[in-house]
């Protein structure tokens, strides 16, 4: 779905998290960053995905990664999702879809015979210089940490 490729510079972004704190790509310069896009907070598959990342969070930290989730949910919904699942990372409330569109993960989807526009579950691994080093478009929600840390 996305037109971004491995080796491309990651799009600069700016959006607020569940607490209203602004995050941009520049805030993560010098760190490896995992930006994962998911369709909607508190849905079954998205919950499985974030809990898998939560359960392996210490491994991400030990390898120098920071994690940032993104969906079009409100800050309030993101905050509830974090509290309910005890997530140790921030979730961006990209209600205007600027970050989602910058990464090219919004578009037509099919689910249960219905067609609609939505977020394509996609993960970007970005190096310390802001270059995309991996793109995971076929996310396995139960094994997502393994896909990223391979």
C-alpha atoms as a PDB file:
ATOM      1  CA  UNK A   1       0.000   0.000   0.000  1.00  0.00           C
ATOM      2  CA  UNK A   2       2.666   2.509   1.035  1.00  0.00           C
ATOM      3  CA  UNK A   3       4.903   3.999  -1.658  1.00  0.00           C
ATOM      4  CA  UNK A   4       7.766   4.352   0.836  1.00  0.00           C
ATOM      5  CA  UNK A   5      10.658   1.929   0.398  1.00  0.00           C
ATOM      6  CA  UNK A   6      13.507   0.640   2.518  1.00  0.00           C
ATOM      7  CA  UNK A   7      16.308   3.211   2.257  1.00  0.00           C
ATOM      8  CA  UNK A   8      13.915   6.187   1.972  1.00  0.00           C
ATOM      9  CA  UNK A   9      14.029   9.007   4.478  1.00  0.00           C
ATOM     10  CA  UNK A  10      11.093   8.620   6.853  1.00  0.00           C
ATOM     11  CA  UNK A  11       8.466  11.345   6.508  1.00  0.00           C
ATOM     12  CA  UNK A  12       8.769  14.066   9.092  1.00  0.00           C
ATOM     13  CA  UNK A  13       5.677  13.978  11.247  1.00  0.00           C
ATOM     14  CA  UNK A  14       4.143  15.825  14.133  1.00  0.00           C
ATOM     15  CA  UNK A  15       1.183  14.669  16.191  1.00  0.00           C
ATOM     16  CA  UNK A  16       0.036  14.518  19.796  1.00  0.00           C
ATOM     17  CA  UNK A  17      -0.074  11.408  21.952  1.00  0.00           C
ATOM     18  CA  UNK A  18      -2.607  10.195  24.507  1.00  0.00           C
ATOM     19  CA  UNK A  19      -1.485  12.925  26.952  1.00  0.00           C
ATOM     20  CA  UNK A  20      -1.445  15.796  24.452  1.00  0.00           C
ATOM     21  CA  UNK A  21       2.370  15.725  24.195  1.00  0.00           C
ATOM     22  CA  UNK A  22       3.691  16.463  20.704  1.00  0.00           C
ATOM     23  CA  UNK A  23       5.960  13.933  18.967  1.00  0.00           C
ATOM     24  CA  UNK A  24       7.912  14.474  15.748  1.00  0.00           C
ATOM     25  CA  UNK A  25      10.514  12.472  13.846  1.00  0.00           C
ATOM     26  CA  UNK A  26      13.191  14.918  15.035  1.00  0.00           C
ATOM     27  CA  UNK A  27      12.469  13.949  18.663  1.00  0.00           C
ATOM     28  CA  UNK A  28      13.845  10.490  17.863  1.00  0.00           C
ATOM     29  CA  UNK A  29      17.045  11.481  16.053  1.00  0.00           C
ATOM     30  CA  UNK A  30      19.857   9.286  17.343  1.00  0.00           C
ATOM     31  CA  UNK A  31      17.448   6.496  18.337  1.00  0.00           C
ATOM     32  CA  UNK A  32      16.037   3.567  16.441  1.00  0.00           C
ATOM     33  CA  UNK A  33      12.277   4.002  16.140  1.00  0.00           C
ATOM     34  CA  UNK A  34       9.472   1.557  15.440  1.00  0.00           C
ATOM     35  CA  UNK A  35       6.348   3.335  14.147  1.00  0.00           C
ATOM     36  CA  UNK A  36       3.433   0.923  13.962  1.00  0.00           C
ATOM     37  CA  UNK A  37       0.100   1.842  12.426  1.00  0.00           C
ATOM     38  CA  UNK A  38      -3.012  -0.009  13.565  1.00  0.00           C
ATOM     39  CA  UNK A  39      -6.677   0.372  12.555  1.00  0.00           C
ATOM     40  CA  UNK A  40      -8.378   1.107  15.892  1.00  0.00           C
ATOM     41  CA  UNK A  41      -7.710   1.074  19.626  1.00  0.00           C
ATOM     42  CA  UNK A  42      -9.409  -1.602  21.730  1.00  0.00           C
ATOM     43  CA  UNK A  43     -10.321  -3.869  18.811  1.00  0.00           C
ATOM     44  CA  UNK A  44      -9.354  -7.552  19.139  1.00  0.00           C
ATOM     45  CA  UNK A  45      -6.460  -7.731  16.635  1.00  0.00           C
ATOM     46  CA  UNK A  46      -5.034  -4.355  17.642  1.00  0.00           C
ATOM     47  CA  UNK A  47      -5.116  -5.391  21.304  1.00  0.00           C
ATOM     48  CA  UNK A  48      -3.243  -8.619  20.494  1.00  0.00           C
ATOM     49  CA  UNK A  49      -0.639  -6.599  18.572  1.00  0.00           C
ATOM     50  CA  UNK A  50       0.036  -3.979  21.268  1.00  0.00           C
ATOM     51  CA  UNK A  51       0.131  -6.612  24.006  1.00  0.00           C
ATOM     52  CA  UNK A  52       2.730  -8.582  22.023  1.00  0.00           C
ATOM     53  CA  UNK A  53       4.828  -5.414  21.740  1.00  0.00           C
ATOM     54  CA  UNK A  54       4.282  -4.651  25.451  1.00  0.00           C
ATOM     55  CA  UNK A  55       5.347  -8.159  26.474  1.00  0.00           C
ATOM     56  CA  UNK A  56       8.604  -7.799  24.513  1.00  0.00           C
ATOM     57  CA  UNK A  57       9.201  -4.129  25.355  1.00  0.00           C
ATOM     58  CA  UNK A  58      12.322  -4.782  27.451  1.00  0.00           C
ATOM     59  CA  UNK A  59      13.947  -6.488  24.458  1.00  0.00           C
ATOM     60  CA  UNK A  60      13.180  -3.465  22.268  1.00  0.00           C
ATOM     61  CA  UNK A  61      14.707  -1.138  24.879  1.00  0.00           C
ATOM     62  CA  UNK A  62      17.801  -3.330  25.303  1.00  0.00           C
ATOM     63  CA  UNK A  63      18.377  -3.147  21.532  1.00  0.00           C
ATOM     64  CA  UNK A  64      17.977   0.644  21.488  1.00  0.00           C
ATOM     65  CA  UNK A  65      14.478   0.877  19.988  1.00  0.00           C
ATOM     66  CA  UNK A  66      11.715   3.305  20.901  1.00  0.00           C
ATOM     67  CA  UNK A  67       8.123   2.426  19.972  1.00  0.00           C
ATOM     68  CA  UNK A  68       5.336   4.689  18.787  1.00  0.00           C
ATOM     69  CA  UNK A  69       1.863   3.504  17.793  1.00  0.00           C
ATOM     70  CA  UNK A  70      -0.393   5.484  15.468  1.00  0.00           C
ATOM     71  CA  UNK A  71      -4.107   5.336  14.719  1.00  0.00           C
ATOM     72  CA  UNK A  72      -6.847   7.853  13.941  1.00  0.00           C
ATOM     73  CA  UNK A  73      -8.348   7.441  17.418  1.00  0.00           C
ATOM     74  CA  UNK A  74      -8.775  10.388  19.795  1.00  0.00           C
ATOM     75  CA  UNK A  75      -6.286  11.055  22.583  1.00  0.00           C
ATOM     76  CA  UNK A  76      -8.952   9.961  25.098  1.00  0.00           C
ATOM     77  CA  UNK A  77      -9.447   6.609  23.353  1.00  0.00           C
ATOM     78  CA  UNK A  78      -5.653   6.116  23.094  1.00  0.00           C
ATOM     79  CA  UNK A  79      -5.291   6.903  26.807  1.00  0.00           C
ATOM     80  CA  UNK A  80      -7.945   4.313  27.721  1.00  0.00           C
ATOM     81  CA  UNK A  81      -6.248   1.739  25.460  1.00  0.00           C
ATOM     82  CA  UNK A  82      -2.904   2.359  27.207  1.00  0.00           C
ATOM     83  CA  UNK A  83      -4.383   2.148  30.710  1.00  0.00           C
ATOM     84  CA  UNK A  84      -6.456  -0.959  29.996  1.00  0.00           C
ATOM     85  CA  UNK A  85      -3.466  -2.840  28.535  1.00  0.00           C
ATOM     86  CA  UNK A  86      -0.688  -1.245  30.661  1.00  0.00           C
ATOM     87  CA  UNK A  87       1.266  -0.129  27.590  1.00  0.00           C
ATOM     88  CA  UNK A  88       4.731   1.369  28.242  1.00  0.00           C
ATOM     89  CA  UNK A  89       4.878   3.340  24.963  1.00  0.00           C
ATOM     90  CA  UNK A  90       3.013   6.327  23.519  1.00  0.00           C
ATOM     91  CA  UNK A  91       0.179   6.173  21.010  1.00  0.00           C
ATOM     92  CA  UNK A  92      -0.358   9.074  18.616  1.00  0.00           C
ATOM     93  CA  UNK A  93      -3.901  10.377  18.211  1.00  0.00           C
ATOM     94  CA  UNK A  94      -3.717  11.132  14.480  1.00  0.00           C
ATOM     95  CA  UNK A  95      -7.362  12.171  14.104  1.00  0.00           C
ATOM     96  CA  UNK A  96      -6.626  14.376  11.080  1.00  0.00           C
ATOM     97  CA  UNK A  97      -4.683  11.471   9.483  1.00  0.00           C
ATOM     98  CA  UNK A  98      -1.653  13.616   8.595  1.00  0.00           C
ATOM     99  CA  UNK A  99       0.878  11.051   9.865  1.00  0.00           C
ATOM    100  CA  UNK A 100      -1.144   8.154   8.440  1.00  0.00           C
ATOM    101  CA  UNK A 101      -1.245   9.803   5.002  1.00  0.00           C
ATOM    102  CA  UNK A 102       2.435  10.882   5.144  1.00  0.00           C
ATOM    103  CA  UNK A 103       3.399   7.214   5.552  1.00  0.00           C
ATOM    104  CA  UNK A 104       0.867   6.150   2.892  1.00  0.00           C
ATOM    105  CA  UNK A 105      -1.047   3.645   5.000  1.00  0.00           C
ATOM    106  CA  UNK A 106      -4.600   4.977   4.414  1.00  0.00           C
ATOM    107  CA  UNK A 107      -6.647   3.491   1.615  1.00  0.00           C
ATOM    108  CA  UNK A 108      -9.264   1.013   0.428  1.00  0.00           C
ATOM    109  CA  UNK A 109      -9.717  -2.146   2.481  1.00  0.00           C
ATOM    110  CA  UNK A 110     -12.026  -5.145   2.459  1.00  0.00           C
ATOM    111  CA  UNK A 111     -13.419  -6.709   5.594  1.00  0.00           C
ATOM    112  CA  UNK A 112     -16.236  -9.256   5.793  1.00  0.00           C
ATOM    113  CA  UNK A 113     -17.301  -8.491   2.227  1.00  0.00           C
ATOM    114  CA  UNK A 114     -17.425  -4.723   2.821  1.00  0.00           C
ATOM    115  CA  UNK A 115     -15.163  -2.216   1.125  1.00  0.00           C
ATOM    116  CA  UNK A 116     -14.145   0.971   2.926  1.00  0.00           C
ATOM    117  CA  UNK A 117     -11.193   3.300   3.472  1.00  0.00           C
ATOM    118  CA  UNK A 118      -9.065   2.680   6.525  1.00  0.00           C
ATOM    119  CA  UNK A 119      -5.601   2.239   7.995  1.00  0.00           C
ATOM    120  CA  UNK A 120      -3.508  -0.597   6.622  1.00  0.00           C
ATOM    121  CA  UNK A 121      -1.735  -2.293   9.534  1.00  0.00           C
ATOM    122  CA  UNK A 122       1.892  -1.489   8.674  1.00  0.00           C
ATOM    123  CA  UNK A 123       5.100  -1.071  10.679  1.00  0.00           C
ATOM    124  CA  UNK A 124       8.147   1.021   9.825  1.00  0.00           C
ATOM    125  CA  UNK A 125      11.539   0.507  11.448  1.00  0.00           C
ATOM    126  CA  UNK A 126      13.548   3.723  11.245  1.00  0.00           C
ATOM    127  CA  UNK A 127      17.266   4.014  12.001  1.00  0.00           C
ATOM    128  CA  UNK A 128      19.076   6.657  14.052  1.00  0.00           C
ATOM    129  CA  UNK A 129      19.409   8.944  11.025  1.00  0.00           C
ATOM    130  CA  UNK A 130      15.720   8.821  10.060  1.00  0.00           C
ATOM    131  CA  UNK A 131      16.128   6.275   7.245  1.00  0.00           C
ATOM    132  CA  UNK A 132      13.591   3.450   6.857  1.00  0.00           C
ATOM    133  CA  UNK A 133      15.417   0.167   7.380  1.00  0.00           C
ATOM    134  CA  UNK A 134      12.399  -2.146   7.291  1.00  0.00           C
ATOM    135  CA  UNK A 135       8.709  -2.065   6.363  1.00  0.00           C
ATOM    136  CA  UNK A 136       6.378  -4.802   7.580  1.00  0.00           C
ATOM    137  CA  UNK A 137       3.142  -4.848   5.597  1.00  0.00           C
ATOM    138  CA  UNK A 138       2.002  -8.363   6.511  1.00  0.00           C
ATOM    139  CA  UNK A 139       1.866  -7.913  10.274  1.00  0.00           C
ATOM    140  CA  UNK A 140       1.328 -11.053  12.346  1.00  0.00           C
ATOM    141  CA  UNK A 141      -0.298  -9.508  15.434  1.00  0.00           C
ATOM    142  CA  UNK A 142       0.609 -12.473  17.681  1.00  0.00           C
ATOM    143  CA  UNK A 143       4.273 -12.504  16.599  1.00  0.00           C
ATOM    144  CA  UNK A 144       4.865  -8.870  15.714  1.00  0.00           C
ATOM    145  CA  UNK A 145       7.867  -8.381  18.006  1.00  0.00           C
ATOM    146  CA  UNK A 146       9.651 -11.301  16.307  1.00  0.00           C
ATOM    147  CA  UNK A 147       8.934  -9.774  12.894  1.00  0.00           C
ATOM    148  CA  UNK A 148      10.545  -6.497  13.963  1.00  0.00           C
ATOM    149  CA  UNK A 149      13.494  -7.896  15.953  1.00  0.00           C
ATOM    150  CA  UNK A 150      14.369 -10.701  13.505  1.00  0.00           C
END
